[in-house]
């Protein structure tokens, strides 16, 4: 696995865990939970979007020299 793919997958994992932490914080503060399975489903979608954005965004940043 190349470094770019590994980096994108790790950013996707960060997105998954960030969403789940924010969901738990919302529930802890008195919000209504959507349930664990729907929350995991949304987290997987968020992680996939973040991974694709990181994979595509890295190329743009490298082209600009940042």
PDB file of N, CA and C in Angstrom:
ATOM      1  N   UNK A   1       0.861  -1.177   0.000  1.00  0.00           N
ATOM      2  CA  UNK A   1       0.000   0.000   0.000  1.00  0.00           C
ATOM      3  C   UNK A   1       0.906   1.238   0.000  1.00  0.00           C
ATOM      4  N   UNK A   2       0.615   2.162  -0.910  1.00  0.00           N
ATOM      5  CA  UNK A   2       1.463   3.348  -0.966  1.00  0.00           C
ATOM      6  C   UNK A   2       1.090   4.343   0.135  1.00  0.00           C
ATOM      7  N   UNK A   3       1.962   5.317   0.310  1.00  0.00           N
ATOM      8  CA  UNK A   3       1.794   6.278   1.413  1.00  0.00           C
ATOM      9  C   UNK A   3       0.546   7.146   1.246  1.00  0.00           C
ATOM     10  N   UNK A   4       0.211   7.482   0.020  1.00  0.00           N
ATOM     11  CA  UNK A   4      -0.960   8.335  -0.219  1.00  0.00           C
ATOM     12  C   UNK A   4      -2.247   7.620   0.170  1.00  0.00           C
ATOM     13  N   UNK A   5      -2.365   6.347  -0.168  1.00  0.00           N
ATOM     14  CA  UNK A   5      -3.550   5.562   0.185  1.00  0.00           C
ATOM     15  C   UNK A   5      -3.638   5.379   1.692  1.00  0.00           C
ATOM     16  N   UNK A   6      -2.511   5.073   2.312  1.00  0.00           N
ATOM     17  CA  UNK A   6      -2.494   4.886   3.756  1.00  0.00           C
ATOM     18  C   UNK A   6      -2.902   6.167   4.481  1.00  0.00           C
ATOM     19  N   UNK A   7      -2.402   7.298   4.011  1.00  0.00           N
ATOM     20  CA  UNK A   7      -2.754   8.582   4.608  1.00  0.00           C
ATOM     21  C   UNK A   7      -4.249   8.862   4.473  1.00  0.00           C
ATOM     22  N   UNK A   8      -4.803   8.593   3.292  1.00  0.00           N
ATOM     23  CA  UNK A   8      -6.237   8.838   3.080  1.00  0.00           C
ATOM     24  C   UNK A   8      -7.084   7.942   3.972  1.00  0.00           C
ATOM     25  N   UNK A   9      -6.697   6.681   4.116  1.00  0.00           N
ATOM     26  CA  UNK A   9      -7.457   5.768   4.982  1.00  0.00           C
ATOM     27  C   UNK A   9      -7.378   6.185   6.446  1.00  0.00           C
ATOM     28  N   UNK A  10      -6.219   6.668   6.866  1.00  0.00           N
ATOM     29  CA  UNK A  10      -6.099   7.137   8.248  1.00  0.00           C
ATOM     30  C   UNK A  10      -6.953   8.377   8.483  1.00  0.00           C
ATOM     31  N   UNK A  11      -7.012   9.290   7.509  1.00  0.00           N
ATOM     32  CA  UNK A  11      -7.886  10.449   7.645  1.00  0.00           C
ATOM     33  C   UNK A  11      -9.349  10.019   7.673  1.00  0.00           C
ATOM     34  N   UNK A  12      -9.686   8.984   6.913  1.00  0.00           N
ATOM     35  CA  UNK A  12     -11.044   8.442   6.962  1.00  0.00           C
ATOM     36  C   UNK A  12     -11.382   7.902   8.335  1.00  0.00           C
ATOM     37  N   UNK A  13     -10.415   7.207   8.959  1.00  0.00           N
ATOM     38  CA  UNK A  13     -10.629   6.691  10.320  1.00  0.00           C
ATOM     39  C   UNK A  13     -10.813   7.839  11.303  1.00  0.00           C
ATOM     40  N   UNK A  14     -10.064   8.913  11.123  1.00  0.00           N
ATOM     41  CA  UNK A  14     -10.236  10.092  11.981  1.00  0.00           C
ATOM     42  C   UNK A  14     -11.643  10.657  11.823  1.00  0.00           C
ATOM     43  N   UNK A  15     -12.143  10.688  10.601  1.00  0.00           N
ATOM     44  CA  UNK A  15     -13.499  11.174  10.360  1.00  0.00           C
ATOM     45  C   UNK A  15     -14.551  10.314  11.029  1.00  0.00           C
ATOM     46  N   UNK A  16     -14.369   8.988  10.966  1.00  0.00           N
ATOM     47  CA  UNK A  16     -15.311   8.065  11.614  1.00  0.00           C
ATOM     48  C   UNK A  16     -15.354   8.311  13.115  1.00  0.00           C
ATOM     49  N   UNK A  17     -14.186   8.322  13.726  1.00  0.00           N
ATOM     50  CA  UNK A  17     -14.144   8.486  15.183  1.00  0.00           C
ATOM     51  C   UNK A  17     -14.591   9.877  15.622  1.00  0.00           C
ATOM     52  N   UNK A  18     -14.275  10.894  14.832  1.00  0.00           N
ATOM     53  CA  UNK A  18     -14.714  12.248  15.174  1.00  0.00           C
ATOM     54  C   UNK A  18     -16.241  12.337  15.164  1.00  0.00           C
ATOM     55  N   UNK A  19     -16.871  11.732  14.151  1.00  0.00           N
ATOM     56  CA  UNK A  19     -18.330  11.758  14.115  1.00  0.00           C
ATOM     57  C   UNK A  19     -18.913  11.024  15.318  1.00  0.00           C
ATOM     58  N   UNK A  20     -18.369   9.845  15.629  1.00  0.00           N
ATOM     59  CA  UNK A  20     -18.916   9.077  16.754  1.00  0.00           C
ATOM     60  C   UNK A  20     -18.732   9.806  18.087  1.00  0.00           C
ATOM     61  N   UNK A  21     -17.611  10.480  18.257  1.00  0.00           N
ATOM     62  CA  UNK A  21     -17.393  11.263  19.486  1.00  0.00           C
ATOM     63  C   UNK A  21     -18.377  12.425  19.561  1.00  0.00           C
ATOM     64  N   UNK A  22     -18.573  13.112  18.443  1.00  0.00           N
ATOM     65  CA  UNK A  22     -19.541  14.219  18.440  1.00  0.00           C
ATOM     66  C   UNK A  22     -20.963  13.725  18.696  1.00  0.00           C
ATOM     67  N   UNK A  23     -21.301  12.580  18.165  1.00  0.00           N
ATOM     68  CA  UNK A  23     -22.631  12.000  18.410  1.00  0.00           C
ATOM     69  C   UNK A  23     -22.799  11.667  19.887  1.00  0.00           C
ATOM     70  N   UNK A  24     -21.801  11.046  20.478  1.00  0.00           N
ATOM     71  CA  UNK A  24     -21.888  10.706  21.908  1.00  0.00           C
ATOM     72  C   UNK A  24     -21.956  11.961  22.769  1.00  0.00           C
ATOM     73  N   UNK A  25     -21.231  12.994  22.403  1.00  0.00           N
ATOM     74  CA  UNK A  25     -21.302  14.258  23.139  1.00  0.00           C
ATOM     75  C   UNK A  25     -22.687  14.881  23.047  1.00  0.00           C
ATOM     76  N   UNK A  26     -23.286  14.813  21.865  1.00  0.00           N
ATOM     77  CA  UNK A  26     -24.638  15.336  21.683  1.00  0.00           C
ATOM     78  C   UNK A  26     -25.629  14.586  22.558  1.00  0.00           C
ATOM     79  N   UNK A  27     -25.497  13.265  22.590  1.00  0.00           N
ATOM     80  CA  UNK A  27     -26.394  12.449  23.417  1.00  0.00           C
ATOM     81  C   UNK A  27     -26.147  12.718  24.898  1.00  0.00           C
ATOM     82  N   UNK A  28     -24.888  12.868  25.285  1.00  0.00           N
ATOM     83  CA  UNK A  28     -24.556  13.122  26.690  1.00  0.00           C
ATOM     84  C   UNK A  28     -25.102  14.463  27.170  1.00  0.00           C
ATOM     85  N   UNK A  29     -25.216  15.417  26.264  1.00  0.00           N
ATOM     86  CA  UNK A  29     -25.743  16.725  26.639  1.00  0.00           C
ATOM     87  C   UNK A  29     -27.262  16.796  26.581  1.00  0.00           C
ATOM     88  N   UNK A  30     -27.904  15.660  26.351  1.00  0.00           N
ATOM     89  CA  UNK A  30     -29.355  15.615  26.419  1.00  0.00           C
ATOM     90  C   UNK A  30     -30.050  15.501  25.082  1.00  0.00           C
ATOM     91  N   UNK A  31     -29.302  15.376  24.021  1.00  0.00           N
ATOM     92  CA  UNK A  31     -29.911  15.220  22.703  1.00  0.00           C
ATOM     93  C   UNK A  31     -30.464  13.814  22.532  1.00  0.00           C
ATOM     94  N   UNK A  32     -31.321  13.674  21.555  1.00  0.00           N
ATOM     95  CA  UNK A  32     -31.933  12.370  21.308  1.00  0.00           C
ATOM     96  C   UNK A  32     -31.048  11.566  20.352  1.00  0.00           C
ATOM     97  N   UNK A  33     -30.768  10.324  20.718  1.00  0.00           N
ATOM     98  CA  UNK A  33     -29.913   9.460  19.919  1.00  0.00           C
ATOM     99  C   UNK A  33     -30.673   8.909  18.716  1.00  0.00           C
ATOM    100  N   UNK A  34     -29.969   8.708  17.618  1.00  0.00           N
ATOM    101  CA  UNK A  34     -30.582   8.092  16.445  1.00  0.00           C
ATOM    102  C   UNK A  34     -30.447   6.575  16.492  1.00  0.00           C
ATOM    103  N   UNK A  35     -29.722   6.063  17.488  1.00  0.00           N
ATOM    104  CA  UNK A  35     -29.475   4.630  17.603  1.00  0.00           C
ATOM    105  C   UNK A  35     -28.042   4.320  17.201  1.00  0.00           C
ATOM    106  N   UNK A  36     -27.543   3.192  17.658  1.00  0.00           N
ATOM    107  CA  UNK A  36     -26.138   2.881  17.425  1.00  0.00           C
ATOM    108  C   UNK A  36     -25.882   2.459  15.982  1.00  0.00           C
ATOM    109  N   UNK A  37     -26.751   1.641  15.400  1.00  0.00           N
ATOM    110  CA  UNK A  37     -26.508   1.194  14.026  1.00  0.00           C
ATOM    111  C   UNK A  37     -26.618   2.329  13.014  1.00  0.00           C
ATOM    112  N   UNK A  38     -27.627   3.191  13.092  1.00  0.00           N
ATOM    113  CA  UNK A  38     -27.632   4.329  12.170  1.00  0.00           C
ATOM    114  C   UNK A  38     -26.437   5.268  12.379  1.00  0.00           C
ATOM    115  N   UNK A  39     -26.025   5.437  13.626  1.00  0.00           N
ATOM    116  CA  UNK A  39     -24.865   6.291  13.900  1.00  0.00           C
ATOM    117  C   UNK A  39     -23.600   5.697  13.284  1.00  0.00           C
ATOM    118  N   UNK A  40     -23.431   4.393  13.367  1.00  0.00           N
ATOM    119  CA  UNK A  40     -22.269   3.742  12.762  1.00  0.00           C
ATOM    120  C   UNK A  40     -22.351   3.855  11.242  1.00  0.00           C
ATOM    121  N   UNK A  41     -23.551   3.707  10.687  1.00  0.00           N
ATOM    122  CA  UNK A  41     -23.725   3.852   9.243  1.00  0.00           C
ATOM    123  C   UNK A  41     -23.345   5.241   8.752  1.00  0.00           C
ATOM    124  N   UNK A  42     -23.806   6.263   9.459  1.00  0.00           N
ATOM    125  CA  UNK A  42     -23.455   7.639   9.093  1.00  0.00           C
ATOM    126  C   UNK A  42     -21.956   7.862   9.262  1.00  0.00           C
ATOM    127  N   UNK A  43     -21.386   7.290  10.311  1.00  0.00           N
ATOM    128  CA  UNK A  43     -19.950   7.441  10.546  1.00  0.00           C
ATOM    129  C   UNK A  43     -19.134   6.823   9.415  1.00  0.00           C
ATOM    130  N   UNK A  44     -19.569   5.685   8.901  1.00  0.00           N
ATOM    131  CA  UNK A  44     -18.870   5.042   7.787  1.00  0.00           C
ATOM    132  C   UNK A  44     -18.959   5.916   6.539  1.00  0.00           C
ATOM    133  N   UNK A  45     -20.120   6.505   6.299  1.00  0.00           N
ATOM    134  CA  UNK A  45     -20.263   7.404   5.151  1.00  0.00           C
ATOM    135  C   UNK A  45     -19.368   8.628   5.317  1.00  0.00           C
ATOM    136  N   UNK A  46     -19.346   9.201   6.509  1.00  0.00           N
ATOM    137  CA  UNK A  46     -18.478  10.351   6.779  1.00  0.00           C
ATOM    138  C   UNK A  46     -17.015   9.964   6.566  1.00  0.00           C
ATOM    139  N   UNK A  47     -16.619   8.795   7.053  1.00  0.00           N
ATOM    140  CA  UNK A  47     -15.244   8.344   6.880  1.00  0.00           C
ATOM    141  C   UNK A  47     -14.885   8.151   5.419  1.00  0.00           C
ATOM    142  N   UNK A  48     -15.811   7.612   4.633  1.00  0.00           N
ATOM    143  CA  UNK A  48     -15.552   7.417   3.203  1.00  0.00           C
ATOM    144  C   UNK A  48     -15.390   8.752   2.484  1.00  0.00           C
ATOM    145  N   UNK A  49     -16.238   9.706   2.818  1.00  0.00           N
ATOM    146  CA  UNK A  49     -16.138  11.035   2.199  1.00  0.00           C
ATOM    147  C   UNK A  49     -14.823  11.705   2.573  1.00  0.00           C
ATOM    148  N   UNK A  50     -14.435  11.599   3.837  1.00  0.00           N
ATOM    149  CA  UNK A  50     -13.185  12.199   4.282  1.00  0.00           C
ATOM    150  C   UNK A  50     -11.993  11.528   3.597  1.00  0.00           C
ATOM    151  N   UNK A  51     -12.028  10.205   3.462  1.00  0.00           N
ATOM    152  CA  UNK A  51     -10.927   9.492   2.817  1.00  0.00           C
ATOM    153  C   UNK A  51     -10.795   9.891   1.349  1.00  0.00           C
ATOM    154  N   UNK A  52     -11.919   9.981   0.644  1.00  0.00           N
ATOM    155  CA  UNK A  52     -11.869  10.382  -0.768  1.00  0.00           C
ATOM    156  C   UNK A  52     -11.384  11.826  -0.892  1.00  0.00           C
ATOM    157  N   UNK A  53     -11.858  12.691  -0.018  1.00  0.00           N
ATOM    158  CA  UNK A  53     -11.426  14.090  -0.066  1.00  0.00           C
ATOM    159  C   UNK A  53      -9.928  14.216   0.240  1.00  0.00           C
ATOM    160  N   UNK A  54      -9.445  13.441   1.185  1.00  0.00           N
ATOM    161  CA  UNK A  54      -8.020  13.473   1.520  1.00  0.00           C
ATOM    162  C   UNK A  54      -7.182  12.943   0.366  1.00  0.00           C
ATOM    163  N   UNK A  55      -7.653  11.891  -0.274  1.00  0.00           N
ATOM    164  CA  UNK A  55      -6.928  11.292  -1.399  1.00  0.00           C
ATOM    165  C   UNK A  55      -6.849  12.282  -2.565  1.00  0.00           C
ATOM    166  N   UNK A  56      -7.969  12.925  -2.878  1.00  0.00           N
ATOM    167  CA  UNK A  56      -7.995  13.883  -3.982  1.00  0.00           C
ATOM    168  C   UNK A  56      -7.319  15.195  -3.610  1.00  0.00           C
ATOM    169  N   UNK A  57      -7.490  15.619  -2.377  1.00  0.00           N
ATOM    170  CA  UNK A  57      -6.926  16.891  -1.942  1.00  0.00           C
ATOM    171  C   UNK A  57      -5.419  16.888  -1.838  1.00  0.00           C
ATOM    172  N   UNK A  58      -4.845  15.734  -1.564  1.00  0.00           N
ATOM    173  CA  UNK A  58      -3.390  15.663  -1.441  1.00  0.00           C
ATOM    174  C   UNK A  58      -2.717  15.994  -2.768  1.00  0.00           C
ATOM    175  N   UNK A  59      -3.300  15.553  -3.860  1.00  0.00           N
ATOM    176  CA  UNK A  59      -2.734  15.846  -5.175  1.00  0.00           C
ATOM    177  C   UNK A  59      -2.744  17.348  -5.436  1.00  0.00           C
ATOM    178  N   UNK A  60      -3.856  17.987  -5.118  1.00  0.00           N
ATOM    179  CA  UNK A  60      -3.947  19.444  -5.330  1.00  0.00           C
ATOM    180  C   UNK A  60      -2.944  20.184  -4.486  1.00  0.00           C
ATOM    181  N   UNK A  61      -2.773  19.768  -3.229  1.00  0.00           N
ATOM    182  CA  UNK A  61      -1.810  20.442  -2.365  1.00  0.00           C
ATOM    183  C   UNK A  61      -0.370  20.215  -2.838  1.00  0.00           C
ATOM    184  N   UNK A  62      -0.072  19.013  -3.320  1.00  0.00           N
ATOM    185  CA  UNK A  62       1.272  18.751  -3.827  1.00  0.00           C
ATOM    186  C   UNK A  62       1.560  19.543  -5.096  1.00  0.00           C
ATOM    187  N   UNK A  63       0.568  19.725  -5.943  1.00  0.00           N
ATOM    188  CA  UNK A  63       0.766  20.532  -7.158  1.00  0.00           C
ATOM    189  C   UNK A  63       1.051  21.986  -6.833  1.00  0.00           C
ATOM    190  N   UNK A  64       0.437  22.485  -5.773  1.00  0.00           N
ATOM    191  CA  UNK A  64       0.662  23.874  -5.382  1.00  0.00           C
ATOM    192  C   UNK A  64       1.929  24.049  -4.548  1.00  0.00           C
ATOM    193  N   UNK A  65       2.534  22.954  -4.158  1.00  0.00           N
ATOM    194  CA  UNK A  65       3.781  23.027  -3.390  1.00  0.00           C
ATOM    195  C   UNK A  65       3.583  23.301  -1.919  1.00  0.00           C
ATOM    196  N   UNK A  66       2.441  22.888  -1.375  1.00  0.00           N
ATOM    197  CA  UNK A  66       2.186  23.127   0.056  1.00  0.00           C
ATOM    198  C   UNK A  66       2.364  21.876   0.834  1.00  0.00           C
TER     199      UNK A  66
END
